[in-house]
C-alpha atoms as a PDB file:
ATOM      1  CA  UNK A   1      -8.842  14.501   3.044  1.00  0.00           C
ATOM      2  CA  UNK A   2      -6.718  15.637   6.288  1.00  0.00           C
ATOM      3  CA  UNK A   3      -3.605  13.594   4.883  1.00  0.00           C
ATOM      4  CA  UNK A   4      -3.917  15.980   1.815  1.00  0.00           C
ATOM      5  CA  UNK A   5      -4.830  18.952   3.823  1.00  0.00           C
ATOM      6  CA  UNK A   6      -3.618  18.706   7.336  1.00  0.00           C
ATOM      7  CA  UNK A   7      -4.448  22.321   7.828  1.00  0.00           C
ATOM      8  CA  UNK A   8      -8.111  21.299   8.192  1.00  0.00           C
ATOM      9  CA  UNK A   9      -7.293  18.403  10.720  1.00  0.00           C
ATOM     10  CA  UNK A  10      -8.498  20.408  13.709  1.00  0.00           C
ATOM     11  CA  UNK A  11     -11.596  21.504  11.873  1.00  0.00           C
ATOM     12  CA  UNK A  12     -12.304  18.191  10.680  1.00  0.00           C
ATOM     13  CA  UNK A  13     -11.923  16.580  14.235  1.00  0.00           C
ATOM     14  CA  UNK A  14     -14.271  19.200  15.658  1.00  0.00           C
ATOM     15  CA  UNK A  15     -16.962  18.298  12.806  1.00  0.00           C
ATOM     16  CA  UNK A  16     -16.598  14.461  13.492  1.00  0.00           C
ATOM     17  CA  UNK A  17     -16.882  15.363  17.212  1.00  0.00           C
ATOM     18  CA  UNK A  18     -20.165  17.572  16.689  1.00  0.00           C
ATOM     19  CA  UNK A  19     -21.778  14.558  14.796  1.00  0.00           C
ATOM     20  CA  UNK A  20     -21.345  12.607  17.980  1.00  0.00           C
ATOM     21  CA  UNK A  21     -22.042   8.803  17.225  1.00  0.00           C
ATOM     22  CA  UNK A  22     -23.054   9.438  13.690  1.00  0.00           C
ATOM     23  CA  UNK A  23     -20.476   9.692  11.022  1.00  0.00           C
ATOM     24  CA  UNK A  24     -20.555  12.903   8.797  1.00  0.00           C
ATOM     25  CA  UNK A  25     -21.021  12.033   4.947  1.00  0.00           C
ATOM     26  CA  UNK A  26     -18.250  13.109   2.626  1.00  0.00           C
ATOM     27  CA  UNK A  27     -20.550  15.755   1.243  1.00  0.00           C
ATOM     28  CA  UNK A  28     -20.607  17.241   4.614  1.00  0.00           C
ATOM     29  CA  UNK A  29     -16.918  17.103   5.174  1.00  0.00           C
ATOM     30  CA  UNK A  30     -15.936  18.414   1.599  1.00  0.00           C
ATOM     31  CA  UNK A  31     -18.854  20.997   1.269  1.00  0.00           C
ATOM     32  CA  UNK A  32     -18.432  22.265   4.780  1.00  0.00           C
ATOM     33  CA  UNK A  33     -14.897  22.094   5.421  1.00  0.00           C
ATOM     34  CA  UNK A  34     -12.720  21.825   2.359  1.00  0.00           C
ATOM     35  CA  UNK A  35     -14.705  24.031  -0.137  1.00  0.00           C
ATOM     36  CA  UNK A  36     -14.918  26.989   2.076  1.00  0.00           C
ATOM     37  CA  UNK A  37     -11.115  26.622   2.702  1.00  0.00           C
ATOM     38  CA  UNK A  38     -10.488  26.418  -0.918  1.00  0.00           C
ATOM     39  CA  UNK A  39     -12.369  29.444  -1.761  1.00  0.00           C
ATOM     40  CA  UNK A  40     -10.520  31.475   1.032  1.00  0.00           C
ATOM     41  CA  UNK A  41      -7.212  30.321  -0.655  1.00  0.00           C
ATOM     42  CA  UNK A  42      -8.223  31.292  -4.075  1.00  0.00           C
ATOM     43  CA  UNK A  43      -9.399  34.390  -3.070  1.00  0.00           C
ATOM     44  CA  UNK A  44      -6.091  35.200  -1.079  1.00  0.00           C
ATOM     45  CA  UNK A  45      -3.904  34.294  -4.101  1.00  0.00           C
ATOM     46  CA  UNK A  46      -1.685  32.578  -1.677  1.00  0.00           C
ATOM     47  CA  UNK A  47      -0.491  29.041  -0.672  1.00  0.00           C
ATOM     48  CA  UNK A  48      -0.175  27.665  -4.130  1.00  0.00           C
ATOM     49  CA  UNK A  49       1.414  24.341  -2.707  1.00  0.00           C
ATOM     50  CA  UNK A  50      -1.801  23.899  -0.757  1.00  0.00           C
ATOM     51  CA  UNK A  51      -4.000  24.610  -3.822  1.00  0.00           C
ATOM     52  CA  UNK A  52      -2.042  22.032  -5.798  1.00  0.00           C
ATOM     53  CA  UNK A  53      -2.370  19.544  -3.068  1.00  0.00           C
ATOM     54  CA  UNK A  54      -6.210  20.177  -2.878  1.00  0.00           C
ATOM     55  CA  UNK A  55      -6.643  19.899  -6.555  1.00  0.00           C
ATOM     56  CA  UNK A  56      -4.543  16.764  -6.635  1.00  0.00           C
ATOM     57  CA  UNK A  57      -6.908  15.202  -4.188  1.00  0.00           C
ATOM     58  CA  UNK A  58      -9.861  16.389  -6.119  1.00  0.00           C
ATOM     59  CA  UNK A  59      -8.504  14.938  -9.375  1.00  0.00           C
ATOM     60  CA  UNK A  60      -7.901  11.466  -7.630  1.00  0.00           C
ATOM     61  CA  UNK A  61     -11.608  11.550  -6.264  1.00  0.00           C
ATOM     62  CA  UNK A  62     -12.811  12.668  -9.684  1.00  0.00           C
ATOM     63  CA  UNK A  63     -11.136   9.668 -11.206  1.00  0.00           C
ATOM     64  CA  UNK A  64     -12.465   7.217  -8.364  1.00  0.00           C
ATOM     65  CA  UNK A  65     -14.328   4.140  -9.684  1.00  0.00           C
ATOM     66  CA  UNK A  66     -17.153   5.018  -7.323  1.00  0.00           C
ATOM     67  CA  UNK A  67     -19.736   7.642  -8.864  1.00  0.00           C
ATOM     68  CA  UNK A  68     -20.689   8.550  -5.573  1.00  0.00           C
ATOM     69  CA  UNK A  69     -17.169   9.672  -4.699  1.00  0.00           C
ATOM     70  CA  UNK A  70     -16.907  11.577  -8.104  1.00  0.00           C
ATOM     71  CA  UNK A  71     -20.326  13.282  -7.125  1.00  0.00           C
ATOM     72  CA  UNK A  72     -18.533  14.798  -3.840  1.00  0.00           C
ATOM     73  CA  UNK A  73     -16.348  16.693  -6.343  1.00  0.00           C
ATOM     74  CA  UNK A  74     -18.914  17.796  -8.692  1.00  0.00           C
ATOM     75  CA  UNK A  75     -21.665  18.681  -6.121  1.00  0.00           C
ATOM     76  CA  UNK A  76     -19.978  19.392  -3.022  1.00  0.00           C
ATOM     77  CA  UNK A  77     -17.031  21.455  -4.580  1.00  0.00           C
ATOM     78  CA  UNK A  78     -17.380  22.601  -8.233  1.00  0.00           C
ATOM     79  CA  UNK A  79     -21.014  23.700  -7.896  1.00  0.00           C
ATOM     80  CA  UNK A  80     -19.676  26.252  -5.294  1.00  0.00           C
ATOM     81  CA  UNK A  81     -16.825  27.407  -7.098  1.00  0.00           C
ATOM     82  CA  UNK A  82     -18.827  28.135 -10.215  1.00  0.00           C
ATOM     83  CA  UNK A  83     -21.009  30.560  -8.461  1.00  0.00           C
ATOM     84  CA  UNK A  84     -18.185  33.213  -8.852  1.00  0.00           C
ATOM     85  CA  UNK A  85     -16.648  33.134 -12.383  1.00  0.00           C
ATOM     86  CA  UNK A  86     -13.428  34.938 -11.378  1.00  0.00           C
ATOM     87  CA  UNK A  87     -12.931  32.427  -8.776  1.00  0.00           C
ATOM     88  CA  UNK A  88     -13.695  29.524 -11.150  1.00  0.00           C
ATOM     89  CA  UNK A  89     -11.172  30.954 -13.556  1.00  0.00           C
ATOM     90  CA  UNK A  90      -8.359  30.801 -11.023  1.00  0.00           C
ATOM     91  CA  UNK A  91      -9.484  27.248  -9.805  1.00  0.00           C
ATOM     92  CA  UNK A  92      -9.206  25.996 -13.439  1.00  0.00           C
ATOM     93  CA  UNK A  93      -5.659  26.687 -13.546  1.00  0.00           C
ATOM     94  CA  UNK A  94      -5.033  23.900 -10.831  1.00  0.00           C
ATOM     95  CA  UNK A  95      -7.630  21.575 -11.955  1.00  0.00           C
ATOM     96  CA  UNK A  96      -6.505  17.973 -13.648  1.00  0.00           C
ATOM     97  CA  UNK A  97      -8.337  16.672 -16.676  1.00  0.00           C
ATOM     98  CA  UNK A  98     -11.301  14.985 -14.975  1.00  0.00           C
ATOM     99  CA  UNK A  99     -11.955  17.625 -12.509  1.00  0.00           C
ATOM    100  CA  UNK A 100     -11.966  20.359 -15.274  1.00  0.00           C
ATOM    101  CA  UNK A 101     -14.371  17.909 -17.257  1.00  0.00           C
ATOM    102  CA  UNK A 102     -16.729  17.988 -14.391  1.00  0.00           C
ATOM    103  CA  UNK A 103     -16.388  21.621 -13.931  1.00  0.00           C
ATOM    104  CA  UNK A 104     -17.632  22.218 -17.559  1.00  0.00           C
ATOM    105  CA  UNK A 105     -20.469  19.777 -17.053  1.00  0.00           C
ATOM    106  CA  UNK A 106     -21.562  21.222 -13.800  1.00  0.00           C
ATOM    107  CA  UNK A 107     -21.314  24.734 -15.318  1.00  0.00           C
ATOM    108  CA  UNK A 108     -23.542  23.601 -18.320  1.00  0.00           C
ATOM    109  CA  UNK A 109     -26.096  21.850 -15.974  1.00  0.00           C
ATOM    110  CA  UNK A 110     -26.521  25.122 -14.148  1.00  0.00           C
ATOM    111  CA  UNK A 111     -26.843  27.299 -17.285  1.00  0.00           C
ATOM    112  CA  UNK A 112     -23.607  29.176 -16.320  1.00  0.00           C
ATOM    113  CA  UNK A 113     -21.454  27.694 -19.143  1.00  0.00           C
ATOM    114  CA  UNK A 114     -18.571  29.938 -20.409  1.00  0.00           C
END
């Protein structure tokens, strides 16, 4: 994640340090670090390049062969984005095909489908 979003490197390092000898899971990193950053960027309507990098990363993860990696995108990122319809619409402009598919599936499962 920090390769794609180097802006989060110091937060990531602090999070890893906080966990000590235990390694934080992907849901912790993406849900607690990436998603709030992503929401902030979407609300500010700035840093389009960073948004593109983040959604490229999410698309890569959504297409990963490991379903647990795919679940990080669906549950740690997309569920939170779907809580705000305006934000979700902005986000969908940047989503790749698989991420967009997951977004629709998540919204339908939560009863928030468009």
